[in-house]
N, C-alpha and C. Protein backbone atom coordinates (compact mmCIF):
# COMPACT_ATOMS: atom_id res chain seq x y z
N MET A 1 -100.41 -4.11 57.36
CA MET A 1 -100.72 -5.41 57.92
C MET A 1 -101.20 -5.24 59.35
N THR A 2 -102.28 -5.87 59.69
CA THR A 2 -102.85 -5.81 61.03
C THR A 2 -102.61 -7.13 61.74
N THR A 3 -102.13 -7.03 62.96
CA THR A 3 -101.90 -8.23 63.75
C THR A 3 -102.94 -8.29 64.85
N THR A 4 -103.55 -9.44 64.99
CA THR A 4 -104.54 -9.65 66.04
C THR A 4 -103.98 -10.62 67.05
N THR A 5 -104.06 -10.26 68.31
CA THR A 5 -103.61 -11.19 69.34
C THR A 5 -104.81 -11.80 70.03
N ARG A 6 -104.73 -13.06 70.27
CA ARG A 6 -105.80 -13.77 70.97
C ARG A 6 -105.44 -13.87 72.44
N PRO A 7 -106.43 -13.78 73.30
CA PRO A 7 -106.14 -13.97 74.71
C PRO A 7 -105.63 -15.39 74.96
N VAL A 8 -104.66 -15.50 75.81
CA VAL A 8 -104.10 -16.79 76.14
C VAL A 8 -104.53 -17.15 77.55
N ALA A 9 -105.12 -18.31 77.71
CA ALA A 9 -105.56 -18.75 79.04
C ALA A 9 -104.35 -19.19 79.84
N PRO A 10 -104.22 -18.70 81.06
CA PRO A 10 -103.08 -19.09 81.89
C PRO A 10 -103.11 -20.58 82.23
N ARG A 11 -101.93 -21.16 82.34
CA ARG A 11 -101.77 -22.51 82.86
C ARG A 11 -101.19 -22.34 84.26
N TRP A 12 -102.05 -22.34 85.23
CA TRP A 12 -101.67 -21.98 86.59
C TRP A 12 -100.74 -23.01 87.22
N ARG A 13 -99.73 -22.48 87.93
CA ARG A 13 -98.80 -23.30 88.72
C ARG A 13 -98.84 -22.81 90.15
N LYS A 14 -98.90 -23.73 91.08
CA LYS A 14 -98.91 -23.35 92.49
C LYS A 14 -97.50 -22.95 92.92
N SER A 15 -97.39 -21.87 93.64
CA SER A 15 -96.11 -21.40 94.14
C SER A 15 -95.50 -22.42 95.09
N SER A 16 -94.19 -22.53 95.05
CA SER A 16 -93.50 -23.44 95.98
C SER A 16 -93.60 -22.95 97.42
N TYR A 17 -93.99 -21.70 97.61
CA TYR A 17 -94.17 -21.14 98.95
C TYR A 17 -95.58 -21.37 99.49
N SER A 18 -96.45 -21.95 98.70
CA SER A 18 -97.82 -22.19 99.15
C SER A 18 -97.84 -23.32 100.17
N ALA A 19 -98.70 -23.19 101.14
CA ALA A 19 -98.82 -24.20 102.18
C ALA A 19 -99.50 -25.45 101.63
N PRO A 20 -99.06 -26.64 102.02
CA PRO A 20 -99.66 -27.87 101.51
C PRO A 20 -101.08 -28.13 102.01
N ASN A 21 -101.50 -27.45 103.08
CA ASN A 21 -102.83 -27.69 103.63
C ASN A 21 -103.93 -26.89 102.95
N GLY A 22 -103.60 -26.18 101.87
CA GLY A 22 -104.61 -25.44 101.13
C GLY A 22 -104.73 -23.97 101.52
N GLY A 23 -104.04 -23.55 102.55
CA GLY A 23 -104.05 -22.14 102.94
C GLY A 23 -102.92 -21.38 102.29
N GLU A 24 -103.05 -20.07 102.21
CA GLU A 24 -102.01 -19.20 101.66
C GLU A 24 -101.50 -19.68 100.31
N CYS A 25 -102.39 -19.99 99.41
CA CYS A 25 -102.01 -20.52 98.10
C CYS A 25 -101.98 -19.42 97.04
N VAL A 26 -100.86 -19.34 96.38
CA VAL A 26 -100.69 -18.39 95.28
C VAL A 26 -100.37 -19.18 94.03
N GLU A 27 -101.03 -18.84 92.93
CA GLU A 27 -100.75 -19.48 91.66
C GLU A 27 -100.29 -18.42 90.66
N TRP A 28 -99.48 -18.85 89.70
CA TRP A 28 -98.95 -17.94 88.70
C TRP A 28 -98.69 -18.72 87.42
N ASP A 29 -98.47 -18.00 86.33
CA ASP A 29 -98.15 -18.64 85.05
C ASP A 29 -96.92 -17.97 84.46
N PRO A 30 -95.75 -18.57 84.67
CA PRO A 30 -94.52 -17.96 84.16
C PRO A 30 -94.42 -17.93 82.64
N ALA A 31 -95.11 -18.83 81.96
CA ALA A 31 -95.02 -18.89 80.50
C ALA A 31 -95.64 -17.68 79.81
N LEU A 32 -96.60 -17.03 80.44
CA LEU A 32 -97.27 -15.91 79.79
C LEU A 32 -96.40 -14.67 79.66
N VAL A 33 -95.31 -14.58 80.41
CA VAL A 33 -94.46 -13.39 80.30
C VAL A 33 -93.90 -13.25 78.88
N ALA A 34 -93.63 -14.36 78.23
CA ALA A 34 -93.12 -14.30 76.86
C ALA A 34 -94.18 -13.82 75.87
N VAL A 35 -95.44 -14.07 76.18
CA VAL A 35 -96.54 -13.69 75.30
C VAL A 35 -97.04 -12.28 75.59
N THR A 36 -97.22 -11.98 76.88
CA THR A 36 -97.86 -10.72 77.26
C THR A 36 -96.93 -9.69 77.89
N GLY A 37 -95.75 -10.15 78.33
CA GLY A 37 -94.83 -9.24 79.03
C GLY A 37 -95.18 -9.08 80.50
N THR A 38 -96.20 -9.79 80.94
CA THR A 38 -96.61 -9.72 82.34
C THR A 38 -96.83 -11.14 82.88
N ILE A 39 -96.85 -11.24 84.20
CA ILE A 39 -97.09 -12.53 84.85
C ILE A 39 -98.38 -12.43 85.64
N PRO A 40 -99.35 -13.32 85.35
CA PRO A 40 -100.59 -13.32 86.12
C PRO A 40 -100.39 -14.04 87.45
N VAL A 41 -100.96 -13.48 88.51
CA VAL A 41 -100.89 -14.07 89.85
C VAL A 41 -102.30 -14.06 90.43
N ARG A 42 -102.69 -15.16 91.09
CA ARG A 42 -104.02 -15.21 91.69
C ARG A 42 -104.00 -16.02 92.99
N ASP A 43 -105.05 -15.88 93.74
CA ASP A 43 -105.28 -16.66 94.95
C ASP A 43 -105.98 -17.95 94.52
N SER A 44 -105.34 -19.09 94.75
CA SER A 44 -105.92 -20.35 94.27
C SER A 44 -107.21 -20.71 94.99
N LYS A 45 -107.45 -20.13 96.16
CA LYS A 45 -108.70 -20.40 96.88
C LYS A 45 -109.87 -19.68 96.22
N CYS A 46 -109.57 -18.76 95.32
CA CYS A 46 -110.61 -17.98 94.65
C CYS A 46 -110.31 -17.95 93.14
N PRO A 47 -110.40 -19.10 92.46
CA PRO A 47 -109.99 -19.18 91.06
C PRO A 47 -110.77 -18.29 90.10
N ASP A 48 -111.99 -17.91 90.48
CA ASP A 48 -112.77 -17.02 89.63
C ASP A 48 -112.63 -15.56 90.04
N GLY A 49 -111.76 -15.31 91.00
CA GLY A 49 -111.55 -13.96 91.51
C GLY A 49 -110.59 -13.17 90.64
N PRO A 50 -110.15 -12.04 91.13
CA PRO A 50 -109.27 -11.17 90.35
C PRO A 50 -107.90 -11.78 90.12
N VAL A 51 -107.28 -11.36 89.04
CA VAL A 51 -105.93 -11.77 88.69
C VAL A 51 -105.06 -10.52 88.66
N LEU A 52 -103.97 -10.57 89.37
CA LEU A 52 -103.02 -9.46 89.40
C LEU A 52 -102.00 -9.69 88.29
N MET A 53 -101.86 -8.74 87.39
CA MET A 53 -100.89 -8.84 86.31
C MET A 53 -99.69 -7.96 86.67
N VAL A 54 -98.51 -8.57 86.79
CA VAL A 54 -97.32 -7.82 87.19
C VAL A 54 -96.22 -8.01 86.15
N SER A 55 -95.38 -7.01 86.04
CA SER A 55 -94.25 -7.11 85.12
C SER A 55 -93.26 -8.13 85.66
N ALA A 56 -92.39 -8.63 84.78
CA ALA A 56 -91.38 -9.59 85.21
C ALA A 56 -90.48 -8.99 86.28
N ALA A 57 -90.13 -7.72 86.13
CA ALA A 57 -89.26 -7.06 87.12
C ALA A 57 -89.95 -6.96 88.48
N ALA A 58 -91.23 -6.61 88.49
CA ALA A 58 -91.97 -6.51 89.75
C ALA A 58 -92.12 -7.89 90.38
N PHE A 59 -92.35 -8.92 89.58
CA PHE A 59 -92.49 -10.27 90.10
C PHE A 59 -91.17 -10.74 90.72
N THR A 60 -90.06 -10.43 90.07
CA THR A 60 -88.75 -10.78 90.61
C THR A 60 -88.54 -10.13 91.97
N ARG A 61 -88.91 -8.86 92.10
CA ARG A 61 -88.78 -8.17 93.39
C ARG A 61 -89.69 -8.80 94.44
N LEU A 62 -90.90 -9.19 94.06
CA LEU A 62 -91.83 -9.84 94.98
C LEU A 62 -91.25 -11.16 95.51
N VAL A 63 -90.69 -11.97 94.63
CA VAL A 63 -90.10 -13.25 95.03
C VAL A 63 -88.89 -13.01 95.93
N THR A 64 -88.08 -12.02 95.62
CA THR A 64 -86.92 -11.68 96.45
C THR A 64 -87.37 -11.30 97.86
N LEU A 65 -88.42 -10.49 97.96
CA LEU A 65 -88.94 -10.11 99.28
C LEU A 65 -89.49 -11.32 100.03
N ALA A 66 -90.17 -12.21 99.33
CA ALA A 66 -90.72 -13.40 99.98
C ALA A 66 -89.60 -14.29 100.52
N LYS A 67 -88.52 -14.43 99.76
CA LYS A 67 -87.39 -15.24 100.21
C LYS A 67 -86.73 -14.62 101.44
N ARG A 68 -86.60 -13.30 101.46
CA ARG A 68 -86.02 -12.62 102.63
C ARG A 68 -86.88 -12.83 103.86
N ALA A 69 -88.19 -12.74 103.70
CA ALA A 69 -89.10 -12.90 104.83
C ALA A 69 -89.08 -14.33 105.36
N ASP A 70 -88.71 -15.27 104.51
CA ASP A 70 -88.68 -16.68 104.89
C ASP A 70 -87.46 -17.00 105.76
N ASN A 71 -86.44 -16.19 105.68
CA ASN A 71 -85.19 -16.44 106.43
C ASN A 71 -85.27 -15.94 107.83
C-alpha cells in the first residue's frame, strides 16, 4: 500500500510577541506540527519569503529564550 501526503497550506498566526505597529512580526502555524512534525515560522512583513521549518523541540527552546529575553 502506498500512502501519498498532500502539502498542507499553513494557517498563519501572529506571535503574541509581535509588535502591534507592524514591526518585528513573526507568524507560525502550530497546527502543522501534528501533520508534518515541524512548525513553520515566517516574517509576516515578507509573506512570500522563506519559511523556516523547525522541530517542536527547537520551537519550544526558541520560545523559552524569547521569554527570558523579555524579562
